[in-house]
Protein backbone atom coordinates (compact mmCIF):
# COMPACT_ATOMS: atom_id res chain seq x y z
CA MET A 1 -13.38 42.49 -60.16
CA MET A 2 -15.56 39.20 -61.05
CA ASN A 3 -12.68 36.86 -61.44
CA LYS A 4 -11.40 37.76 -57.77
CA LYS A 5 -14.91 36.77 -56.72
CA ALA A 6 -15.48 33.15 -58.46
CA SER A 7 -11.72 32.41 -57.17
CA VAL A 8 -13.01 33.20 -53.53
CA LEU A 9 -15.91 31.02 -53.88
CA MET A 10 -14.23 28.42 -55.91
CA MET A 11 -11.39 28.29 -53.18
CA SER A 12 -14.36 27.74 -50.01
CA VAL A 13 -16.25 25.23 -52.51
CA MET A 14 -12.70 22.91 -52.67
CA ILE A 15 -11.78 23.72 -48.71
CA LEU A 16 -15.55 22.37 -48.25
CA LEU A 17 -15.07 18.89 -50.37
CA ALA A 18 -11.43 18.71 -48.94
CA ALA A 19 -13.53 18.37 -45.80
CA CYS A 20 -16.58 15.90 -46.52
CA SER A 21 -13.62 13.61 -47.82
CA ALA A 22 -11.65 13.43 -44.96
CA ASN A 23 -14.72 12.78 -42.65
CA GLN A 24 -15.30 9.38 -44.95
CA THR A 25 -12.07 7.71 -44.72
CA LYS A 26 -13.43 8.22 -40.53
CA VAL A 27 -16.36 6.27 -41.18
CA SER A 28 -15.77 2.24 -40.02
CA PRO A 29 -17.66 -0.05 -43.00
CA ILE A 30 -20.95 -1.85 -42.02
CA ALA A 31 -20.52 -5.06 -41.03
CA THR A 32 -22.17 -7.47 -43.26
CA THR A 33 -23.33 -10.61 -42.79
CA ASN A 34 -20.60 -12.04 -44.16
CA SER A 35 -18.43 -10.59 -42.41
CA THR A 36 -16.34 -13.50 -40.27
CA PRO A 37 -16.57 -12.86 -36.25
CA VAL A 38 -13.74 -11.26 -34.85
CA ALA A 39 -13.24 -14.43 -32.17
CA VAL A 40 -13.49 -13.65 -28.62
CA ALA A 41 -11.04 -14.73 -25.73
CA THR A 42 -12.58 -16.50 -22.56
CA ILE A 43 -10.62 -16.60 -19.51
CA THR A 44 -11.20 -19.50 -17.74
CA PRO A 45 -10.33 -19.08 -13.64
CA SER A 46 -7.84 -21.46 -12.95
CA PRO A 47 -9.15 -23.87 -10.22
CA VAL A 48 -8.01 -23.55 -6.66
CA PRO A 49 -6.38 -26.52 -4.99
CA MET A 50 -8.27 -27.71 -2.40
CA ALA A 51 -6.07 -28.85 0.93
CA THR A 52 -5.79 -33.10 1.10
CA PRO A 53 -7.38 -34.00 4.29
CA VAL A 54 -4.34 -35.74 6.71
CA SER A 55 -5.50 -38.74 7.90
CA THR A 56 -4.05 -40.12 11.02
CA PRO A 57 -3.21 -43.64 10.52
CA VAL A 58 -5.11 -46.28 12.29
CA PRO A 59 -2.68 -49.18 14.32
CA ALA A 60 -3.84 -52.53 13.24
CA ALA A 61 -6.15 -53.99 15.55
CA THR A 62 -3.44 -56.57 17.34
CA THR A 63 -4.57 -59.95 18.88
CA PRO A 64 -3.44 -59.21 23.28
CA ALA A 65 -0.36 -61.68 23.60
CA PRO A 66 -1.70 -64.42 26.29
CA GLU A 67 -0.33 -63.93 29.63
CA VAL A 68 2.98 -65.73 30.33
CA VAL A 69 2.76 -66.51 34.11
CA LYS A 70 6.33 -67.37 35.58
CA LYS A 71 6.89 -71.35 36.83
CA GLU A 72 7.15 -70.74 40.38
CA TYR A 73 6.49 -74.18 42.18
CA HIS A 74 6.52 -77.85 40.90
CA MET A 75 4.78 -81.33 41.97
CA ASN A 76 7.03 -83.55 44.36
CA LYS A 77 6.39 -87.33 44.20
CA ASN A 78 3.58 -86.79 46.93
CA TYR A 79 1.59 -85.18 44.05
CA ASP A 80 1.64 -82.32 46.80
CA ILE A 81 2.95 -78.28 44.69
CA VAL A 82 6.05 -77.28 46.48
CA PRO A 83 8.02 -73.11 45.74
CA ASN A 84 11.63 -73.64 43.57
CA ASP A 85 12.85 -72.16 46.08
CA PRO A 86 13.45 -73.15 49.28
CA ASN A 87 13.19 -70.12 51.15
CA GLY A 88 8.68 -69.42 49.43
CA ASN A 89 6.01 -69.87 50.58
CA LYS A 90 5.00 -73.32 51.80
CA LYS A 91 1.73 -72.58 53.15
CA ILE A 92 -0.20 -72.73 49.38
CA VAL A 93 -2.93 -75.45 48.23
CA LEU A 94 -3.39 -76.17 45.16
CA LEU A 95 -7.61 -77.08 44.63
CA THR A 96 -9.15 -79.01 42.19
CA PHE A 97 -12.73 -80.41 40.18
CA ASP A 98 -13.03 -83.70 38.93
CA ASP A 99 -16.10 -85.04 36.71
CA GLY A 100 -17.09 -82.25 35.02
CA PRO A 101 -18.77 -79.60 33.41
CA LYS A 102 -22.27 -80.86 35.10
CA GLU A 103 -24.23 -77.69 35.10
CA GLN A 104 -24.10 -74.30 34.87
CA ALA A 105 -24.82 -73.25 37.78
CA MET A 106 -22.80 -75.13 39.79
CA ASN A 107 -19.48 -74.24 37.29
CA GLN A 108 -21.11 -70.53 37.43
CA ALA A 109 -20.42 -70.74 41.12
CA LEU A 110 -17.71 -72.33 41.48
CA ILE A 111 -16.38 -70.04 39.16
CA ASP A 112 -17.71 -66.89 40.82
CA ILE A 113 -16.07 -68.35 44.95
CA LEU A 114 -12.57 -68.65 43.12
CA LYS A 115 -12.75 -65.17 41.49
CA LYS A 116 -14.14 -63.84 45.23
CA HIS A 117 -11.40 -65.19 46.53
CA ASN A 118 -8.20 -64.93 43.76
CA ALA A 119 -8.23 -67.77 43.37
CA LYS A 120 -7.80 -70.68 40.43
CA ALA A 121 -8.20 -73.70 40.27
CA ILE A 122 -8.24 -76.85 37.92
CA PHE A 123 -11.33 -78.43 36.53
CA PHE A 124 -10.43 -81.84 35.46
CA LEU A 125 -13.51 -82.82 32.90
CA ASN A 126 -14.62 -86.36 31.28
CA GLY A 127 -14.61 -85.93 27.53
CA TYR A 128 -18.25 -88.28 27.76
CA ARG A 129 -19.08 -85.11 29.80
CA ILE A 130 -17.67 -82.39 27.53
CA LYS A 131 -19.76 -84.03 24.99
CA GLN A 132 -22.71 -83.57 26.17
CA LYS A 133 -22.31 -79.70 27.74
CA PRO A 134 -19.82 -77.86 25.60
CA GLU A 135 -20.97 -74.68 26.54
CA LEU A 136 -19.11 -75.37 29.87
CA VAL A 137 -16.26 -76.25 28.86
CA LYS A 138 -15.83 -72.76 26.81
CA LEU A 139 -16.97 -71.11 30.30
CA ILE A 140 -15.08 -72.84 32.29
CA HIS A 141 -12.23 -71.80 30.50
CA ASN A 142 -13.34 -68.32 29.71
CA SER A 143 -12.72 -67.83 33.09
CA GLY A 144 -9.02 -68.62 32.89
CA ASN A 145 -9.52 -71.59 35.42
CA PRO A 146 -6.71 -74.53 33.62
CA ILE A 147 -8.88 -77.30 32.28
CA GLY A 148 -7.33 -80.95 33.08
CA ASN A 149 -7.42 -84.01 31.46
CA HIS A 150 -10.14 -87.14 33.06
CA ALA A 151 -9.94 -89.07 30.18
CA TRP A 152 -13.10 -89.88 28.42
CA ASP A 153 -14.77 -92.37 30.51
CA HIS A 154 -15.20 -92.47 33.72
CA GLU A 155 -13.59 -95.57 34.28
CA ASN A 156 -10.57 -97.56 35.70
CA LEU A 157 -7.31 -96.70 33.41
CA LYS A 158 -5.37 -98.99 34.78
CA SER A 159 -6.94 -102.29 33.75
CA MET A 160 -7.33 -101.64 30.31
CA THR A 161 -5.20 -102.19 27.09
CA ASN A 162 -2.69 -99.43 26.42
CA GLU A 163 -5.04 -99.38 22.66
CA LYS A 164 -8.18 -97.97 24.74
CA ILE A 165 -5.62 -96.28 27.34
CA ASP A 166 -4.31 -94.32 24.21
CA GLN A 167 -8.67 -93.35 23.02
CA GLN A 168 -9.45 -92.38 26.54
CA VAL A 169 -6.15 -89.81 26.27
CA ASP A 170 -6.32 -88.59 23.04
CA ASP A 171 -9.84 -88.37 22.36
CA VAL A 172 -10.18 -85.53 25.66
CA GLN A 173 -7.11 -83.63 24.11
CA LYS A 174 -8.81 -83.31 21.32
CA ILE A 175 -12.17 -82.63 22.17
CA VAL A 176 -10.82 -79.86 24.32
CA LYS A 177 -8.79 -78.54 21.75
CA GLU A 178 -11.63 -78.12 19.88
CA LEU A 179 -13.39 -76.22 21.65
CA THR A 180 -10.69 -74.23 23.16
CA GLY A 181 -7.78 -73.51 21.42
CA GLU A 182 -5.63 -75.70 24.23
CA SER A 183 -4.45 -78.68 24.96
CA PRO A 184 -4.92 -79.57 29.07
CA VAL A 185 -1.78 -80.01 30.69
CA PHE A 186 -2.83 -81.38 33.41
CA PHE A 187 -4.46 -85.45 34.57
CA ARG A 188 -5.56 -86.82 37.21
CA PRO A 189 -6.83 -90.28 36.47
CA PRO A 190 -10.35 -91.43 37.33
CA PHE A 191 -9.38 -92.97 40.91
CA GLY A 192 -5.91 -91.64 41.26
CA SER A 193 -5.76 -95.48 39.21
CA GLY A 194 -2.74 -96.17 36.13
CA ASN A 195 -0.18 -97.34 35.21
CA ASP A 196 3.09 -97.34 33.64
CA TYR A 197 2.12 -97.53 30.30
CA LEU A 198 -0.73 -94.14 30.73
CA LYS A 199 1.80 -92.04 32.89
CA ALA A 200 4.29 -92.05 29.52
CA LYS A 201 1.57 -91.49 27.48
CA VAL A 202 0.57 -88.42 28.99
CA LYS A 203 4.10 -86.96 29.82
CA ASP A 204 4.28 -87.74 26.08
CA ASN A 205 1.32 -85.62 25.18
CA LYS A 206 3.50 -83.16 27.68
CA MET A 207 1.16 -83.14 30.59
CA LEU A 208 1.90 -83.59 34.44
CA TYR A 209 0.60 -86.77 35.97
CA MET A 210 -1.16 -86.08 39.39
CA THR A 211 -3.97 -87.70 41.59
CA TRP A 212 -4.38 -85.51 44.79
CA SER A 213 -3.29 -85.46 48.38
CA ASN A 214 -5.72 -83.90 50.58
CA GLY A 215 -8.90 -85.31 49.42
CA SER A 216 -12.26 -83.48 50.70
CA LEU A 217 -14.66 -87.17 50.71
CA ASP A 218 -17.23 -85.13 49.49
CA TRP A 219 -17.24 -88.07 46.59
CA ASP A 220 -18.77 -90.52 49.57
CA MET A 221 -21.62 -87.90 50.23
CA THR A 222 -25.42 -88.37 48.33
CA ASN A 223 -27.59 -86.18 47.67
CA LYS A 224 -29.68 -87.18 50.22
CA ASN A 225 -27.01 -87.86 52.90
CA ASN A 226 -24.57 -84.84 52.56
CA ASP A 227 -23.28 -82.84 54.56
CA SER A 228 -21.21 -79.35 53.64
CA GLY A 229 -19.54 -78.27 56.57
CA LYS A 230 -17.95 -82.00 56.96
CA VAL A 231 -16.55 -81.40 53.23
CA ILE A 232 -14.41 -78.20 55.33
CA GLU A 233 -13.63 -80.35 57.63
CA ASN A 234 -11.95 -83.17 55.59
CA VAL A 235 -9.77 -81.61 54.02
CA MET A 236 -9.07 -79.16 57.75
CA LYS A 237 -8.10 -82.21 58.68
CA GLN A 238 -5.50 -83.20 56.34
CA LEU A 239 -4.02 -79.28 55.82
CA HIS A 240 -0.53 -79.53 55.16
CA GLY A 241 1.92 -77.07 52.93
CA GLY A 242 1.17 -78.24 49.40
CA SER A 243 -1.80 -79.98 50.02
CA ASN A 244 -3.33 -81.02 46.42
CA ILE A 245 -6.90 -80.66 47.43
CA LEU A 246 -9.28 -82.89 45.45
CA MET A 247 -12.53 -81.57 45.36
CA HIS A 248 -15.60 -82.05 42.77
CA GLU A 249 -18.38 -80.74 41.00
CA LEU A 250 -21.43 -81.58 43.69
CA PRO A 251 -23.94 -79.60 45.51
CA TRP A 252 -22.66 -79.84 48.58
CA THR A 253 -18.53 -79.07 47.77
CA VAL A 254 -20.71 -75.30 45.91
CA LYS A 255 -22.22 -75.43 49.21
CA ALA A 256 -18.86 -75.18 51.68
CA LEU A 257 -16.90 -73.80 49.14
CA ASP A 258 -16.83 -70.29 50.24
CA THR A 259 -15.93 -70.95 53.90
CA LEU A 260 -13.68 -73.51 53.07
CA LEU A 261 -11.90 -71.30 51.64
CA THR A 262 -11.87 -67.99 54.00
CA LYS A 263 -10.58 -71.07 56.73
CA LEU A 264 -8.00 -70.81 54.30
CA GLU A 265 -7.19 -67.46 54.23
CA GLU A 266 -7.26 -66.69 58.22
CA GLN A 267 -4.67 -69.80 58.46
CA GLY A 268 -2.03 -67.57 56.32
CA TYR A 269 -2.92 -70.24 53.23
CA SER A 270 -2.66 -68.66 49.74
CA PHE A 271 -4.11 -70.52 46.34
CA VAL A 272 -1.64 -71.36 43.70
CA ASP A 273 -2.07 -70.03 40.25
CA PRO A 274 -1.62 -73.88 38.65
CA ASN A 275 -0.09 -72.30 35.03
CA ALA A 276 2.64 -70.98 38.04
CA ILE A 277 3.49 -75.03 38.18
CA GLU A 278 6.26 -76.62 36.10
CA LEU A 279 5.23 -79.49 34.05
CA GLU A 280 7.38 -82.10 35.31
CA MET A 281 7.52 -84.28 39.15
CA LYS A 282 10.53 -83.69 40.84
């Protein structure tokens, strides 16, 4: 009887010891300070691609091409302006002003009146005056009115030496080109006086040599003895188709101009754009 109880007791003890041993194997060992740390993988988020802005191409700045005016007229041996088309309008006039530039007020007034009538004129300038008032050369040029060569000095070129004539013509060409970027293409000799050498010289410079065919006689007037009405009368008396009208930068001419142009328009005349004149006399 005792042996049986002892056996049961022994069996119970063995089962208890086996259970304890099994529980110990499931306990994780305690980490010590010398344990190698386990690397933890860090996940770096991928960058989100940003939209690249698309720029609209900006066209490069361009310089506007100079206006090309069709050559519709020529000058004949009488210095009249004639349409190339035989059936073209013959009631035309060319406006010109000599001996400038003098004063800004006069130049601006002439430019404004011309613009009012949708007209252009050749401003024949002297070199020594250009040197004194270069800003007025730019004013005239920027207004769209052509600048003509009227020699450096207002002297009679006919009696000058060839060398002196060269200087009188070339120096004006040079200074106008420096100021405006363009050389004159029209030449008028002071007093309308020239010679064969001068004419050949002008042609070699690709300019059109001209005097006039309708004189306003404004140059015969003085500050004390002038009459703007007389300027108008003189032009109208000589008026004909193709009139190449000579005027000057003078106060009484400025005063007369608006009325004169109105009268010309009333009689059916139109104003030739000098840029439309061929540079060869016919």
